[in-house]
């Protein structure tokens, strides 16, 4: 069943708003990367690692490769570069030396906080304008859109 025309136009507006937001966030992240002489993949890796830690999951090279869609060799090169730049640490598991845990360095966290802090504060201020129920609805929508994008990427 198709949506009424007014509803379809509103939905089209949401798609365009999401695209505009995606581009604005991409450009903001690119500015961070340029300012700190990073590759765009380095920034995506930092975000992926921070999200992994926030979720309570262990951060590993394999999980990072999966999150970023990189090969094992590309992930190793990425981690070598990021370790040289003092952005990540690799720690071998004492129980199984084949296992490596990844962590974001204090230096990387400081760079992120200094650059993204104002943006995050602004987003939190916008969120303060909404009720808990409205924020739950927004989060549900964003979760479904993210799943749709991931599904489209997977083919």
Protein backbone atom coordinates (compact mmCIF):
# COMPACT_ATOMS: atom_id res chain seq x y z
CA UNK A 1 0.00 0.00 0.00
CA UNK A 2 1.50 3.33 -0.96
CA UNK A 3 1.57 6.33 1.30
CA UNK A 4 -0.70 9.28 0.58
CA UNK A 5 1.03 11.88 -1.60
CA UNK A 6 1.54 14.33 1.28
CA UNK A 7 3.07 11.51 3.34
CA UNK A 8 5.33 10.47 0.45
CA UNK A 9 6.56 14.05 0.02
CA UNK A 10 7.28 14.23 3.75
CA UNK A 11 9.17 10.92 3.53
CA UNK A 12 11.16 12.23 0.57
CA UNK A 13 12.04 15.29 2.65
CA UNK A 14 13.32 13.00 5.42
CA UNK A 15 15.54 11.15 2.91
CA UNK A 16 16.95 14.47 1.71
CA UNK A 17 17.45 15.66 5.29
CA UNK A 18 19.33 12.44 6.13
CA UNK A 19 21.50 12.88 3.04
CA UNK A 20 22.28 16.48 4.01
CA UNK A 21 23.14 15.37 7.55
CA UNK A 22 25.36 12.57 6.24
CA UNK A 23 27.28 14.99 4.04
CA UNK A 24 27.65 17.54 6.85
CA UNK A 25 28.98 14.88 9.23
CA UNK A 26 31.30 13.50 6.54
CA UNK A 27 32.74 16.97 5.90
CA UNK A 28 33.14 17.57 9.63
CA UNK A 29 35.00 14.27 10.01
CA UNK A 30 37.14 15.07 6.97
CA UNK A 31 38.15 18.36 8.58
CA UNK A 32 39.21 16.46 11.71
CA UNK A 33 41.21 14.01 9.58
CA UNK A 34 42.91 16.79 7.61
CA UNK A 35 43.72 18.82 10.71
CA UNK A 36 45.41 15.83 12.33
CA UNK A 37 46.98 14.38 9.15
CA UNK A 38 44.85 11.24 9.25
CA UNK A 39 43.26 9.15 6.55
CA UNK A 40 39.47 9.02 6.50
CA UNK A 41 39.76 5.32 7.33
CA UNK A 42 41.68 6.23 10.50
CA UNK A 43 38.74 8.34 11.68
CA UNK A 44 36.24 5.58 10.85
CA UNK A 45 38.46 3.13 12.75
CA UNK A 46 38.58 5.37 15.83
CA UNK A 47 34.79 5.72 15.79
CA UNK A 48 34.35 1.96 15.33
CA UNK A 49 36.73 1.22 18.22
CA UNK A 50 35.03 3.72 20.52
CA UNK A 51 31.61 2.28 19.63
CA UNK A 52 32.89 -1.26 20.28
CA UNK A 53 34.23 -0.29 23.70
CA UNK A 54 30.97 1.54 24.51
CA UNK A 55 29.02 -1.62 23.65
CA UNK A 56 31.10 -3.69 26.07
CA UNK A 57 32.48 -5.90 23.31
CA UNK A 58 36.21 -6.58 23.04
CA UNK A 59 37.95 -4.61 20.31
CA UNK A 60 40.08 -6.81 18.07
CA UNK A 61 41.69 -6.46 14.65
CA UNK A 62 39.21 -8.96 13.21
CA UNK A 63 36.20 -7.10 14.57
CA UNK A 64 37.62 -3.82 13.27
CA UNK A 65 38.22 -5.35 9.82
CA UNK A 66 34.61 -6.52 9.73
CA UNK A 67 33.25 -3.16 10.88
CA UNK A 68 35.22 -1.29 8.22
CA UNK A 69 34.98 -3.87 5.42
CA UNK A 70 38.77 -4.23 5.20
CA UNK A 71 40.99 -7.19 4.46
CA UNK A 72 43.32 -8.54 7.13
CA UNK A 73 46.35 -7.00 5.38
CA UNK A 74 44.66 -3.60 5.06
CA UNK A 75 43.66 -3.72 8.73
CA UNK A 76 47.25 -4.50 9.75
CA UNK A 77 48.53 -1.55 7.68
CA UNK A 78 45.85 0.68 9.21
CA UNK A 79 46.73 -0.36 12.76
CA UNK A 80 50.48 0.04 12.08
CA UNK A 81 49.85 3.59 10.88
CA UNK A 82 47.53 4.42 13.78
CA UNK A 83 49.90 2.96 16.35
CA UNK A 84 52.79 5.07 14.97
CA UNK A 85 50.53 8.14 15.29
CA UNK A 86 49.73 7.24 18.93
CA UNK A 87 46.04 6.72 18.17
CA UNK A 88 45.67 3.05 19.14
CA UNK A 89 47.40 0.46 21.29
CA UNK A 90 47.64 -3.24 20.54
CA UNK A 91 47.97 -5.52 23.55
CA UNK A 92 48.60 -9.25 23.32
CA UNK A 93 46.40 -11.51 25.45
CA UNK A 94 48.57 -13.11 28.14
CA UNK A 95 46.52 -16.32 27.98
CA UNK A 96 46.62 -16.61 24.19
CA UNK A 97 49.40 -14.62 22.53
CA UNK A 98 47.63 -14.93 19.14
CA UNK A 99 44.81 -12.71 20.41
CA UNK A 100 45.26 -8.96 20.26
CA UNK A 101 43.11 -6.38 22.02
CA UNK A 102 42.83 -2.87 20.63
CA UNK A 103 42.32 0.32 22.58
CA UNK A 104 42.13 3.99 21.70
CA UNK A 105 44.93 6.02 23.30
CA UNK A 106 44.40 8.95 25.65
CA UNK A 107 46.01 11.12 22.95
CA UNK A 108 43.34 10.09 20.41
CA UNK A 109 40.55 10.60 22.95
CA UNK A 110 41.88 14.10 23.72
CA UNK A 111 42.05 15.01 20.01
CA UNK A 112 38.48 13.79 19.54
CA UNK A 113 37.15 15.59 22.60
CA UNK A 114 38.81 18.86 21.59
CA UNK A 115 37.49 18.72 18.04
CA UNK A 116 34.09 17.04 18.44
CA UNK A 117 33.20 18.26 21.95
CA UNK A 118 31.35 21.37 20.80
CA UNK A 119 29.43 19.40 18.17
CA UNK A 120 28.47 16.71 20.68
CA UNK A 121 27.39 19.39 23.16
CA UNK A 122 25.25 21.00 20.45
CA UNK A 123 23.59 17.70 19.56
CA UNK A 124 22.89 17.03 23.24
CA UNK A 125 21.37 20.51 23.55
CA UNK A 126 19.09 19.78 20.57
CA UNK A 127 18.11 16.46 22.17
CA UNK A 128 17.11 18.33 25.33
CA UNK A 129 14.24 19.85 23.32
CA UNK A 130 12.60 16.40 23.03
CA UNK A 131 10.82 14.17 25.51
CA UNK A 132 12.18 10.74 26.38
CA UNK A 133 9.38 9.18 24.30
CA UNK A 134 10.23 11.35 21.30
CA UNK A 135 13.93 10.47 21.60
CA UNK A 136 13.01 6.77 21.74
CA UNK A 137 11.01 7.24 18.54
CA UNK A 138 13.92 9.07 16.85
CA UNK A 139 16.39 6.39 17.96
CA UNK A 140 14.08 3.68 16.65
CA UNK A 141 13.86 5.43 13.28
CA UNK A 142 17.64 5.91 13.08
CA UNK A 143 18.23 2.28 14.04
CA UNK A 144 15.90 1.10 11.26
CA UNK A 145 17.51 3.44 8.70
CA UNK A 146 20.97 2.21 9.73
CA UNK A 147 19.85 -1.40 9.33
CA UNK A 148 18.43 -0.54 5.88
CA UNK A 149 21.78 0.98 4.83
CA UNK A 150 23.70 -2.03 6.17
CA UNK A 151 21.35 -4.37 4.33
CA UNK A 152 21.80 -2.45 1.09
CA UNK A 153 25.60 -2.56 1.54
CA UNK A 154 25.49 -6.31 2.07
CA UNK A 155 23.72 -6.68 -1.25
